[in-house]
C-alpha atoms as a PDB file:
ATOM      1  CA  MET A   1       0.974  41.213 -21.031  1.00  0.00           C
ATOM      2  CA  LYS A   2      -1.526  44.086 -22.100  1.00  0.00           C
ATOM      3  CA  SER A   3      -4.811  43.378 -23.915  1.00  0.00           C
ATOM      4  CA  PRO A   4      -5.695  45.331 -27.052  1.00  0.00           C
ATOM      5  CA  ALA A   5      -7.398  47.872 -24.921  1.00  0.00           C
ATOM      6  CA  GLY A   6      -3.986  48.441 -22.951  1.00  0.00           C
ATOM      7  CA  VAL A   7      -4.994  46.918 -19.626  1.00  0.00           C
ATOM      8  CA  SER A   8      -3.050  44.091 -18.057  1.00  0.00           C
ATOM      9  CA  LYS A   9      -4.653  40.765 -17.198  1.00  0.00           C
ATOM     10  CA  ASN A  10      -4.087  41.504 -13.378  1.00  0.00           C
ATOM     11  CA  GLU A  11      -5.631  44.796 -13.700  1.00  0.00           C
ATOM     12  CA  SER A  12      -8.443  43.401 -15.737  1.00  0.00           C
ATOM     13  CA  ASN A  13      -9.104  40.826 -13.051  1.00  0.00           C
ATOM     14  CA  TYR A  14      -8.979  43.323 -10.391  1.00  0.00           C
ATOM     15  CA  ARG A  15     -11.459  45.590 -12.076  1.00  0.00           C
ATOM     16  CA  GLY A  16     -13.846  42.590 -12.780  1.00  0.00           C
ATOM     17  CA  ALA A  17     -13.536  41.530  -9.163  1.00  0.00           C
ATOM     18  CA  ARG A  18     -14.203  45.075  -7.927  1.00  0.00           C
ATOM     19  CA  LEU A  19     -17.408  45.271 -10.036  1.00  0.00           C
ATOM     20  CA  ARG A  20     -18.723  42.120  -8.716  1.00  0.00           C
ATOM     21  CA  ASN A  21     -18.194  43.286  -5.095  1.00  0.00           C
ATOM     22  CA  GLN A  22     -19.856  46.495  -5.875  1.00  0.00           C
ATOM     23  CA  VAL A  23     -22.858  44.596  -7.511  1.00  0.00           C
ATOM     24  CA  ARG A  24     -22.999  42.224  -4.415  1.00  0.00           C
ATOM     25  CA  SER A  25     -22.947  45.081  -2.094  1.00  0.00           C
ATOM     26  CA  ILE A  26     -26.032  46.911  -3.931  1.00  0.00           C
ATOM     27  CA  ALA A  27     -27.948  43.568  -3.975  1.00  0.00           C
ATOM     28  CA  ALA A  28     -27.163  43.245  -0.192  1.00  0.00           C
ATOM     29  CA  ILE A  29     -28.913  46.373   0.671  1.00  0.00           C
ATOM     30  CA  PRO A  30     -31.928  45.214   2.374  1.00  0.00           C
ATOM     31  CA  MET A  31     -35.332  45.500   0.633  1.00  0.00           C
ATOM     32  CA  LYS A  32     -36.746  47.442   3.578  1.00  0.00           C
ATOM     33  CA  ARG A  33     -34.020  50.135   3.346  1.00  0.00           C
ATOM     34  CA  ILE A  34     -34.642  50.383  -0.378  1.00  0.00           C
ATOM     35  CA  MET A  35     -38.327  50.809  -0.048  1.00  0.00           C
ATOM     36  CA  ARG A  36     -38.026  53.392   2.645  1.00  0.00           C
ATOM     37  CA  VAL A  37     -35.501  55.444   0.518  1.00  0.00           C
ATOM     38  CA  LEU A  38     -37.899  55.003  -2.574  1.00  0.00           C
ATOM     39  CA  LEU A  39     -40.908  56.204  -0.549  1.00  0.00           C
ATOM     40  CA  GLY A  40     -38.956  59.183   0.811  1.00  0.00           C
ATOM     41  CA  VAL A  41     -37.689  60.139  -2.672  1.00  0.00           C
ATOM     42  CA  GLU A  42     -41.161  59.820  -4.067  1.00  0.00           C
ATOM     43  CA  ALA A  43     -42.663  62.004  -1.405  1.00  0.00           C
ATOM     44  CA  ALA A  44     -39.841  64.621  -1.652  1.00  0.00           C
ATOM     45  CA  SER A  45     -40.552  64.793  -5.550  1.00  0.00           C
ATOM     46  CA  PHE A  46     -44.255  65.489  -4.955  1.00  0.00           C
ATOM     47  CA  PHE A  47     -43.482  68.094  -2.522  1.00  0.00           C
ATOM     48  CA  LEU A  48     -41.021  69.821  -4.867  1.00  0.00           C
ATOM     49  CA  ALA A  49     -43.567  69.602  -7.567  1.00  0.00           C
ATOM     50  CA  ALA A  50     -46.098  71.224  -5.215  1.00  0.00           C
ATOM     51  CA  THR A  51     -43.791  74.133  -4.358  1.00  0.00           C
ATOM     52  CA  ILE A  52     -43.115  74.647  -8.013  1.00  0.00           C
ATOM     53  CA  HIS A  53     -46.804  74.798  -8.787  1.00  0.00           C
ATOM     54  CA  ALA A  54     -47.176  77.046  -5.752  1.00  0.00           C
ATOM     55  CA  GLY A  55     -44.751  79.447  -7.515  1.00  0.00           C
ATOM     56  CA  MET A  56     -42.314  79.318  -4.817  1.00  0.00           C
ATOM     57  CA  LEU A  57     -39.337  78.132  -6.403  1.00  0.00           C
ATOM     58  CA  ILE A  58     -40.045  78.960 -10.276  1.00  0.00           C
ATOM     59  CA  SER A  59     -42.495  81.360 -11.658  1.00  0.00           C
ATOM     60  CA  GLY A  60     -44.595  80.630 -14.462  1.00  0.00           C
ATOM     61  CA  TYR A  61     -45.739  77.213 -13.436  1.00  0.00           C
ATOM     62  CA  GLU A  62     -48.235  78.168 -10.938  1.00  0.00           C
ATOM     63  CA  HIS A  63     -51.270  75.840 -10.924  1.00  0.00           C
ATOM     64  CA  HIS A  64     -53.398  75.692  -7.686  1.00  0.00           C
ATOM     65  CA  GLU A  65     -55.300  72.409  -8.237  1.00  0.00           C
ATOM     66  CA  ALA A  66     -52.028  70.577  -9.194  1.00  0.00           C
ATOM     67  CA  MET A  67     -50.405  72.043  -6.111  1.00  0.00           C
ATOM     68  CA  ILE A  68     -53.006  70.797  -3.803  1.00  0.00           C
ATOM     69  CA  ALA A  69     -53.114  67.238  -5.351  1.00  0.00           C
ATOM     70  CA  GLU A  70     -49.269  66.959  -5.265  1.00  0.00           C
ATOM     71  CA  SER A  71     -49.190  68.083  -1.709  1.00  0.00           C
ATOM     72  CA  VAL A  72     -51.862  65.293  -0.696  1.00  0.00           C
ATOM     73  CA  ILE A  73     -50.007  62.776  -2.582  1.00  0.00           C
ATOM     74  CA  GLY A  74     -46.658  63.615  -1.013  1.00  0.00           C
ATOM     75  CA  THR A  75     -48.340  63.806   2.314  1.00  0.00           C
ATOM     76  CA  VAL A  76     -49.687  60.097   1.878  1.00  0.00           C
ATOM     77  CA  LEU A  77     -46.296  58.877   0.776  1.00  0.00           C
ATOM     78  CA  LEU A  78     -44.720  60.682   3.737  1.00  0.00           C
ATOM     79  CA  GLY A  79     -47.374  59.208   6.140  1.00  0.00           C
ATOM     80  CA  GLY A  80     -46.732  55.743   4.651  1.00  0.00           C
ATOM     81  CA  LEU A  81     -42.959  56.034   5.100  1.00  0.00           C
ATOM     82  CA  VAL A  82     -43.780  56.917   8.813  1.00  0.00           C
ATOM     83  CA  ILE A  83     -45.930  53.794   9.094  1.00  0.00           C
ATOM     84  CA  THR A  84     -43.092  51.577   7.706  1.00  0.00           C
ATOM     85  CA  TRP A  85     -40.974  52.513  10.854  1.00  0.00           C
ATOM     86  CA  LEU A  86     -44.050  52.138  13.388  1.00  0.00           C
ATOM     87  CA  HIS A  87     -45.297  48.972  12.036  1.00  0.00           C
ATOM     88  CA  SER A  88     -42.387  47.280  10.151  1.00  0.00           C
ATOM     89  CA  ARG A  89     -44.349  43.970   9.934  1.00  0.00           C
ATOM     90  CA  SER A  90     -46.884  45.540   7.480  1.00  0.00           C
ATOM     91  CA  MET A  91     -44.080  47.447   5.687  1.00  0.00           C
ATOM     92  CA  PHE A  92     -44.752  46.120   2.205  1.00  0.00           C
ATOM     93  CA  THR A  93     -48.391  46.296   2.347  1.00  0.00           C
ATOM     94  CA  THR A  94     -48.164  49.898   3.381  1.00  0.00           C
ATOM     95  CA  ALA A  95     -45.833  50.588   0.537  1.00  0.00           C
ATOM     96  CA  ILE A  96     -48.208  48.965  -1.827  1.00  0.00           C
ATOM     97  CA  ILE A  97     -51.200  50.942  -0.572  1.00  0.00           C
ATOM     98  CA  VAL A  98     -49.537  54.455  -0.645  1.00  0.00           C
ATOM     99  CA  GLN A  99     -47.661  53.938  -3.839  1.00  0.00           C
ATOM    100  CA  ALA A 100     -50.949  52.743  -5.621  1.00  0.00           C
ATOM    101  CA  PHE A 101     -52.742  55.826  -4.233  1.00  0.00           C
ATOM    102  CA  ALA A 102     -49.934  57.920  -5.633  1.00  0.00           C
ATOM    103  CA  LEU A 103     -50.010  56.212  -8.986  1.00  0.00           C
ATOM    104  CA  LEU A 104     -53.830  56.584  -9.224  1.00  0.00           C
ATOM    105  CA  GLY A 105     -53.458  60.243  -8.283  1.00  0.00           C
ATOM    106  CA  THR A 106     -50.735  60.702 -10.951  1.00  0.00           C
ATOM    107  CA  LEU A 107     -52.886  59.015 -13.729  1.00  0.00           C
ATOM    108  CA  VAL A 108     -55.686  61.366 -12.850  1.00  0.00           C
ATOM    109  CA  GLY A 109     -53.061  64.154 -13.279  1.00  0.00           C
ATOM    110  CA  ILE A 110     -52.148  62.748 -16.725  1.00  0.00           C
ATOM    111  CA  PHE A 111     -55.922  62.539 -17.640  1.00  0.00           C
ATOM    112  CA  THR A 112     -56.436  66.151 -16.764  1.00  0.00           C
ATOM    113  CA  ILE A 113     -53.306  67.084 -18.945  1.00  0.00           C
ATOM    114  CA  ILE A 114     -54.864  65.122 -21.910  1.00  0.00           C
ATOM    115  CA  ILE A 115     -58.311  66.822 -21.592  1.00  0.00           C
ATOM    116  CA  GLY A 116     -56.748  70.248 -21.219  1.00  0.00           C
ATOM    117  CA  ILE A 117     -57.583  70.941 -17.400  1.00  0.00           C
ATOM    118  CA  GLY A 118     -54.296  70.480 -15.851  1.00  0.00           C
ATOM    119  CA  PRO A 119     -50.983  72.264 -16.627  1.00  0.00           C
ATOM    120  CA  ARG A 120     -49.627  71.107 -20.167  1.00  0.00           C
ATOM    121  CA  THR A 121     -45.942  72.275 -19.985  1.00  0.00           C
ATOM    122  CA  VAL A 122     -43.138  69.968 -21.095  1.00  0.00           C
ATOM    123  CA  PRO A 123     -41.628  69.726 -17.451  1.00  0.00           C
ATOM    124  CA  ASP A 124     -45.223  68.714 -16.187  1.00  0.00           C
ATOM    125  CA  ILE A 125     -45.574  65.867 -18.812  1.00  0.00           C
ATOM    126  CA  ALA A 126     -41.897  64.918 -18.125  1.00  0.00           C
ATOM    127  CA  TYR A 127     -42.477  64.661 -14.391  1.00  0.00           C
ATOM    128  CA  HIS A 128     -45.826  62.797 -14.775  1.00  0.00           C
ATOM    129  CA  VAL A 129     -44.323  60.153 -17.193  1.00  0.00           C
ATOM    130  CA  SER A 130     -41.105  59.693 -15.058  1.00  0.00           C
ATOM    131  CA  ILE A 131     -42.982  59.445 -11.665  1.00  0.00           C
ATOM    132  CA  VAL A 132     -45.484  56.894 -13.195  1.00  0.00           C
ATOM    133  CA  ILE A 133     -42.241  54.838 -14.044  1.00  0.00           C
ATOM    134  CA  VAL A 134     -40.774  55.396 -10.414  1.00  0.00           C
ATOM    135  CA  LEU A 135     -44.239  54.392  -8.707  1.00  0.00           C
ATOM    136  CA  ALA A 136     -44.632  51.415 -10.940  1.00  0.00           C
ATOM    137  CA  VAL A 137     -41.035  50.181  -9.970  1.00  0.00           C
ATOM    138  CA  GLY A 138     -41.750  50.933  -6.531  1.00  0.00           C
ATOM    139  CA  LEU A 139     -44.963  48.899  -6.512  1.00  0.00           C
ATOM    140  CA  GLY A 140     -43.169  46.122  -8.266  1.00  0.00           C
ATOM    141  CA  LEU A 141     -40.459  46.019  -5.280  1.00  0.00           C
ATOM    142  CA  ALA A 142     -43.068  46.169  -2.713  1.00  0.00           C
ATOM    143  CA  ARG A 143     -44.855  43.338  -4.228  1.00  0.00           C
ATOM    144  CA  ARG A 144     -41.966  41.208  -4.331  1.00  0.00           C
ATOM    145  CA  GLY A 145     -40.737  42.089  -0.986  1.00  0.00           C
ATOM    146  CA  ARG A 146     -44.130  41.275   0.432  1.00  0.00           C
ATOM    147  CA  ARG A 147     -43.851  37.971  -1.102  1.00  0.00           C
ATOM    148  CA  THR A 148     -40.514  37.034   0.096  1.00  0.00           C
ATOM    149  CA  GLU A 149     -41.354  38.448   3.633  1.00  0.00           C
ATOM    150  CA  THR A 150     -44.317  36.020   4.045  1.00  0.00           C
ATOM    151  CA  ILE A 151     -42.348  32.959   2.997  1.00  0.00           C
END
């Protein structure tokens, strides 16, 4: 028997079971792996922004001070990622520290945009807003991982 959407009950049950299995498989990804991937993505995004501000990928967005700041933040995040492998017991503490540093640096970048010192392009503003969100989510995950790890 077909539903109003044209999907049989068996097909609907199969799709529902498949979706539940996908959600379970995502939830089963270890928090440490998620944290490491997030740190890697964050570091890569700062290095990408630095190369753009260096004029290496796209011209017209050069800004020497922003390039330096993004390189430093990217390096700290990458160093944090390396530390998570060397000292996995303090992984979430390390993630909190390096992401807090990155968030603070990004907020300084937003402040420089507001007062007119930093680059004021639409891509710069969009990047800063989105990376603040990513860093805040990462900090929340690291705090939650740290709480569950000590229990």
